[in-house]
Amino acid sequence: MKRYRIGEIARLSSLTERTIRYYEEQGLIKARRSDGGQRWYTDEDLVYLKRIIELKGLGFSIQEIRRIFEMKDSDRSGNLRREALLSEYRKKLEADNRKLKEIQQHIDELEWHVHQLEKAEDGFTECPGALCVSCQYRSRCTFFRSER
């Protein structure tokens, strides 16, 4: 079994030593100690660190990651962890899709304002007027009146 000191595993995982110690404090990994008291880690720890990076990148909290990792001892088949991850991924996907929809609505609103300002040929003092009838955004315009 290969052993890594904290500096080595930090370099291999692209994390800082401080972050690795934090993950230890949070119970996500567990360092072994040499006779002299120095921390050392294994390839399995490196896999876990990379998994933490991946899950955090997907928006998982430390608590959510810990909950999933803690299932390891009682879930030899891995099915419980798979189901838990699947459930969490679905929640994250749903939340991100909601955010995406909100961002798209925001972008649409900004595009409308840009369009209106670009079409205001007589300066910024009045609505583009006659252009409203053919404007693709007229249904959203607070200035357009259908009786024009």
C-alpha atoms as a PDB file:
ATOM      1  CA  MET A   1       0.000   0.000   0.000  1.00  0.00           C
ATOM      2  CA  LYS A   2       1.412   3.361  -1.070  1.00  0.00           C
ATOM      3  CA  ARG A   3       1.670   6.007   1.620  1.00  0.00           C
ATOM      4  CA  TYR A   4       1.460   9.735   0.999  1.00  0.00           C
ATOM      5  CA  ARG A   5       2.415  12.506   3.349  1.00  0.00           C
ATOM      6  CA  ILE A   6       0.058  15.439   3.552  1.00  0.00           C
ATOM      7  CA  GLY A   7       2.082  17.572   1.131  1.00  0.00           C
ATOM      8  CA  GLU A   8       2.140  14.785  -1.442  1.00  0.00           C
ATOM      9  CA  ILE A   9      -1.570  14.068  -1.254  1.00  0.00           C
ATOM     10  CA  ALA A  10      -2.282  17.803  -1.378  1.00  0.00           C
ATOM     11  CA  ARG A  11      -0.299  18.077  -4.612  1.00  0.00           C
ATOM     12  CA  LEU A  12      -1.914  14.967  -6.131  1.00  0.00           C
ATOM     13  CA  SER A  13      -5.427  16.113  -5.246  1.00  0.00           C
ATOM     14  CA  SER A  14      -4.851  19.809  -6.089  1.00  0.00           C
ATOM     15  CA  LEU A  15      -6.029  20.746  -2.586  1.00  0.00           C
ATOM     16  CA  THR A  16      -4.235  22.648   0.117  1.00  0.00           C
ATOM     17  CA  GLU A  17      -2.956  20.948   3.246  1.00  0.00           C
ATOM     18  CA  ARG A  18      -5.343  23.121   5.222  1.00  0.00           C
ATOM     19  CA  THR A  19      -8.306  21.874   3.171  1.00  0.00           C
ATOM     20  CA  ILE A  20      -7.258  18.266   3.699  1.00  0.00           C
ATOM     21  CA  ARG A  21      -7.043  18.842   7.445  1.00  0.00           C
ATOM     22  CA  TYR A  22     -10.498  20.457   7.318  1.00  0.00           C
ATOM     23  CA  TYR A  23     -11.924  17.404   5.534  1.00  0.00           C
ATOM     24  CA  GLU A  24     -10.363  15.272   8.267  1.00  0.00           C
ATOM     25  CA  GLU A  25     -11.995  17.418  10.957  1.00  0.00           C
ATOM     26  CA  GLN A  26     -15.315  16.984   9.144  1.00  0.00           C
ATOM     27  CA  GLY A  27     -14.904  13.205   9.150  1.00  0.00           C
ATOM     28  CA  LEU A  28     -14.678  12.836   5.372  1.00  0.00           C
ATOM     29  CA  ILE A  29     -11.257  11.193   5.440  1.00  0.00           C
ATOM     30  CA  LYS A  30      -9.105   9.777   8.193  1.00  0.00           C
ATOM     31  CA  ALA A  31      -5.342  10.118   8.263  1.00  0.00           C
ATOM     32  CA  ARG A  32      -3.225   7.398   9.703  1.00  0.00           C
ATOM     33  CA  ARG A  33      -0.253   8.354  11.851  1.00  0.00           C
ATOM     34  CA  SER A  34       3.331   7.232  11.641  1.00  0.00           C
ATOM     35  CA  ASP A  35       5.215   6.250  14.782  1.00  0.00           C
ATOM     36  CA  GLY A  36       6.504   9.822  14.818  1.00  0.00           C
ATOM     37  CA  GLY A  37       2.966  11.211  14.633  1.00  0.00           C
ATOM     38  CA  GLN A  38       3.063  12.376  11.012  1.00  0.00           C
ATOM     39  CA  ARG A  39      -0.101  12.064   8.951  1.00  0.00           C
ATOM     40  CA  TRP A  40      -0.118   9.691   6.012  1.00  0.00           C
ATOM     41  CA  TYR A  41      -2.722   8.784   3.454  1.00  0.00           C
ATOM     42  CA  THR A  42      -3.435   6.014   0.965  1.00  0.00           C
ATOM     43  CA  ASP A  43      -4.631   5.780  -2.638  1.00  0.00           C
ATOM     44  CA  GLU A  44      -8.131   5.263  -1.233  1.00  0.00           C
ATOM     45  CA  ASP A  45      -7.876   8.634   0.530  1.00  0.00           C
ATOM     46  CA  LEU A  46      -6.833  10.210  -2.768  1.00  0.00           C
ATOM     47  CA  VAL A  47      -9.920   8.731  -4.435  1.00  0.00           C
ATOM     48  CA  TYR A  48     -12.104  10.122  -1.645  1.00  0.00           C
ATOM     49  CA  LEU A  49     -10.505  13.568  -1.944  1.00  0.00           C
ATOM     50  CA  LYS A  50     -11.141  13.614  -5.677  1.00  0.00           C
ATOM     51  CA  ARG A  51     -14.724  12.491  -5.053  1.00  0.00           C
ATOM     52  CA  ILE A  52     -15.180  15.327  -2.535  1.00  0.00           C
ATOM     53  CA  ILE A  53     -13.921  17.811  -5.142  1.00  0.00           C
ATOM     54  CA  GLU A  54     -16.356  16.397  -7.696  1.00  0.00           C
ATOM     55  CA  LEU A  55     -19.348  16.442  -5.343  1.00  0.00           C
ATOM     56  CA  LYS A  56     -18.582  19.959  -4.089  1.00  0.00           C
ATOM     57  CA  GLY A  57     -18.345  21.078  -7.714  1.00  0.00           C
ATOM     58  CA  LEU A  58     -21.859  19.719  -8.222  1.00  0.00           C
ATOM     59  CA  GLY A  59     -23.132  21.753  -5.285  1.00  0.00           C
ATOM     60  CA  PHE A  60     -23.086  19.146  -2.507  1.00  0.00           C
ATOM     61  CA  SER A  61     -22.495  20.435   1.004  1.00  0.00           C
ATOM     62  CA  ILE A  62     -19.964  18.887   3.369  1.00  0.00           C
ATOM     63  CA  GLN A  63     -22.861  17.465   5.400  1.00  0.00           C
ATOM     64  CA  GLU A  64     -24.397  15.810   2.329  1.00  0.00           C
ATOM     65  CA  ILE A  65     -21.039  14.340   1.332  1.00  0.00           C
ATOM     66  CA  ARG A  66     -20.425  13.093   4.879  1.00  0.00           C
ATOM     67  CA  ARG A  67     -23.835  11.407   4.957  1.00  0.00           C
ATOM     68  CA  ILE A  68     -23.077   9.567   1.727  1.00  0.00           C
ATOM     69  CA  PHE A  69     -19.564   8.573   2.832  1.00  0.00           C
ATOM     70  CA  GLU A  70     -20.848   7.324   6.200  1.00  0.00           C
ATOM     71  CA  MET A  71     -23.014   4.767   4.405  1.00  0.00           C
ATOM     72  CA  LYS A  72     -19.887   2.911   3.281  1.00  0.00           C
ATOM     73  CA  ASP A  73     -19.562   0.782   6.413  1.00  0.00           C
ATOM     74  CA  SER A  74     -23.184  -0.353   6.415  1.00  0.00           C
ATOM     75  CA  ASP A  75     -23.612  -0.614   2.640  1.00  0.00           C
ATOM     76  CA  ARG A  76     -21.276  -3.311   1.336  1.00  0.00           C
ATOM     77  CA  SER A  77     -23.150  -3.619  -1.967  1.00  0.00           C
ATOM     78  CA  GLY A  78     -23.078   0.133  -2.601  1.00  0.00           C
ATOM     79  CA  ASN A  79     -26.772   0.180  -3.482  1.00  0.00           C
ATOM     80  CA  LEU A  80     -27.747   2.511  -0.627  1.00  0.00           C
ATOM     81  CA  ARG A  81     -25.060   5.006  -1.625  1.00  0.00           C
ATOM     82  CA  ARG A  82     -26.065   4.732  -5.272  1.00  0.00           C
ATOM     83  CA  GLU A  83     -29.714   5.433  -4.399  1.00  0.00           C
ATOM     84  CA  ALA A  84     -28.747   8.291  -2.090  1.00  0.00           C
ATOM     85  CA  LEU A  85     -26.535   9.836  -4.765  1.00  0.00           C
ATOM     86  CA  LEU A  86     -29.207   9.385  -7.392  1.00  0.00           C
ATOM     87  CA  SER A  87     -31.736  11.137  -5.163  1.00  0.00           C
ATOM     88  CA  GLU A  88     -29.323  13.974  -4.403  1.00  0.00           C
ATOM     89  CA  TYR A  89     -28.347  14.360  -8.078  1.00  0.00           C
ATOM     90  CA  ARG A  90     -32.014  14.601  -9.015  1.00  0.00           C
ATOM     91  CA  LYS A  91     -32.608  17.290  -6.372  1.00  0.00           C
ATOM     92  CA  LYS A  92     -29.588  19.253  -7.593  1.00  0.00           C
ATOM     93  CA  LEU A  93     -30.684  18.870 -11.211  1.00  0.00           C
ATOM     94  CA  GLU A  94     -34.195  20.100 -10.406  1.00  0.00           C
ATOM     95  CA  ALA A  95     -32.842  23.084  -8.472  1.00  0.00           C
ATOM     96  CA  ASP A  96     -30.375  23.947 -11.231  1.00  0.00           C
ATOM     97  CA  ASN A  97     -33.109  23.697 -13.865  1.00  0.00           C
ATOM     98  CA  ARG A  98     -35.189  26.157 -11.811  1.00  0.00           C
ATOM     99  CA  LYS A  99     -32.203  28.512 -11.615  1.00  0.00           C
ATOM    100  CA  LEU A 100     -31.620  28.127 -15.346  1.00  0.00           C
ATOM    101  CA  LYS A 101     -35.228  29.063 -16.063  1.00  0.00           C
ATOM    102  CA  GLU A 102     -34.928  32.131 -13.825  1.00  0.00           C
ATOM    103  CA  ILE A 103     -31.686  33.142 -15.529  1.00  0.00           C
ATOM    104  CA  GLN A 104     -33.281  32.677 -18.965  1.00  0.00           C
ATOM    105  CA  GLN A 105     -36.191  34.908 -17.930  1.00  0.00           C
ATOM    106  CA  HIS A 106     -33.691  37.489 -16.714  1.00  0.00           C
ATOM    107  CA  ILE A 107     -31.780  37.293 -20.009  1.00  0.00           C
ATOM    108  CA  ASP A 108     -35.034  37.658 -21.972  1.00  0.00           C
ATOM    109  CA  GLU A 109     -35.878  40.757 -19.961  1.00  0.00           C
ATOM    110  CA  LEU A 110     -32.439  42.269 -20.590  1.00  0.00           C
ATOM    111  CA  GLU A 111     -32.713  41.482 -24.315  1.00  0.00           C
ATOM    112  CA  TRP A 112     -36.068  43.244 -24.404  1.00  0.00           C
ATOM    113  CA  HIS A 113     -34.592  46.347 -22.794  1.00  0.00           C
ATOM    114  CA  VAL A 114     -31.596  46.290 -25.155  1.00  0.00           C
ATOM    115  CA  HIS A 115     -33.945  45.932 -28.127  1.00  0.00           C
ATOM    116  CA  GLN A 116     -36.091  48.846 -26.951  1.00  0.00           C
ATOM    117  CA  LEU A 117     -33.081  51.106 -26.435  1.00  0.00           C
ATOM    118  CA  GLU A 118     -31.563  50.176 -29.802  1.00  0.00           C
ATOM    119  CA  LYS A 119     -34.832  51.028 -31.590  1.00  0.00           C
ATOM    120  CA  ALA A 120     -35.274  54.417 -29.880  1.00  0.00           C
ATOM    121  CA  GLU A 121     -34.077  56.537 -32.817  1.00  0.00           C
ATOM    122  CA  ASP A 122     -35.311  59.852 -31.438  1.00  0.00           C
ATOM    123  CA  GLY A 123     -33.181  59.615 -28.355  1.00  0.00           C
ATOM    124  CA  PHE A 124     -34.036  58.305 -24.971  1.00  0.00           C
ATOM    125  CA  THR A 125     -36.963  60.603 -24.257  1.00  0.00           C
ATOM    126  CA  GLU A 126     -39.861  58.590 -25.640  1.00  0.00           C
ATOM    127  CA  CYS A 127     -41.069  55.166 -26.697  1.00  0.00           C
ATOM    128  CA  PRO A 128     -40.124  54.080 -30.244  1.00  0.00           C
ATOM    129  CA  GLY A 129     -43.821  54.487 -31.090  1.00  0.00           C
ATOM    130  CA  ALA A 130     -44.645  53.170 -34.569  1.00  0.00           C
ATOM    131  CA  LEU A 131     -42.117  50.382 -34.202  1.00  0.00           C
ATOM    132  CA  CYS A 132     -44.146  48.875 -31.351  1.00  0.00           C
ATOM    133  CA  VAL A 133     -46.680  47.340 -33.759  1.00  0.00           C
ATOM    134  CA  SER A 134     -44.021  45.167 -35.372  1.00  0.00           C
ATOM    135  CA  CYS A 135     -41.882  44.658 -32.253  1.00  0.00           C
ATOM    136  CA  GLN A 136     -41.452  41.044 -31.211  1.00  0.00           C
ATOM    137  CA  TYR A 137     -41.566  42.155 -27.579  1.00  0.00           C
ATOM    138  CA  ARG A 138     -44.777  44.237 -27.773  1.00  0.00           C
ATOM    139  CA  SER A 139     -46.729  41.810 -25.580  1.00  0.00           C
ATOM    140  CA  ARG A 140     -44.270  42.576 -22.782  1.00  0.00           C
ATOM    141  CA  CYS A 141     -43.976  46.294 -23.357  1.00  0.00           C
ATOM    142  CA  THR A 142     -45.513  48.428 -20.628  1.00  0.00           C
ATOM    143  CA  PHE A 143     -45.748  51.348 -23.078  1.00  0.00           C
ATOM    144  CA  PHE A 144     -47.426  49.602 -26.027  1.00  0.00           C
ATOM    145  CA  ARG A 145     -51.176  49.999 -26.295  1.00  0.00           C
ATOM    146  CA  SER A 146     -53.127  47.829 -28.721  1.00  0.00           C
ATOM    147  CA  GLU A 147     -55.412  50.724 -29.724  1.00  0.00           C
ATOM    148  CA  ARG A 148     -52.547  52.493 -31.590  1.00  0.00           C
END
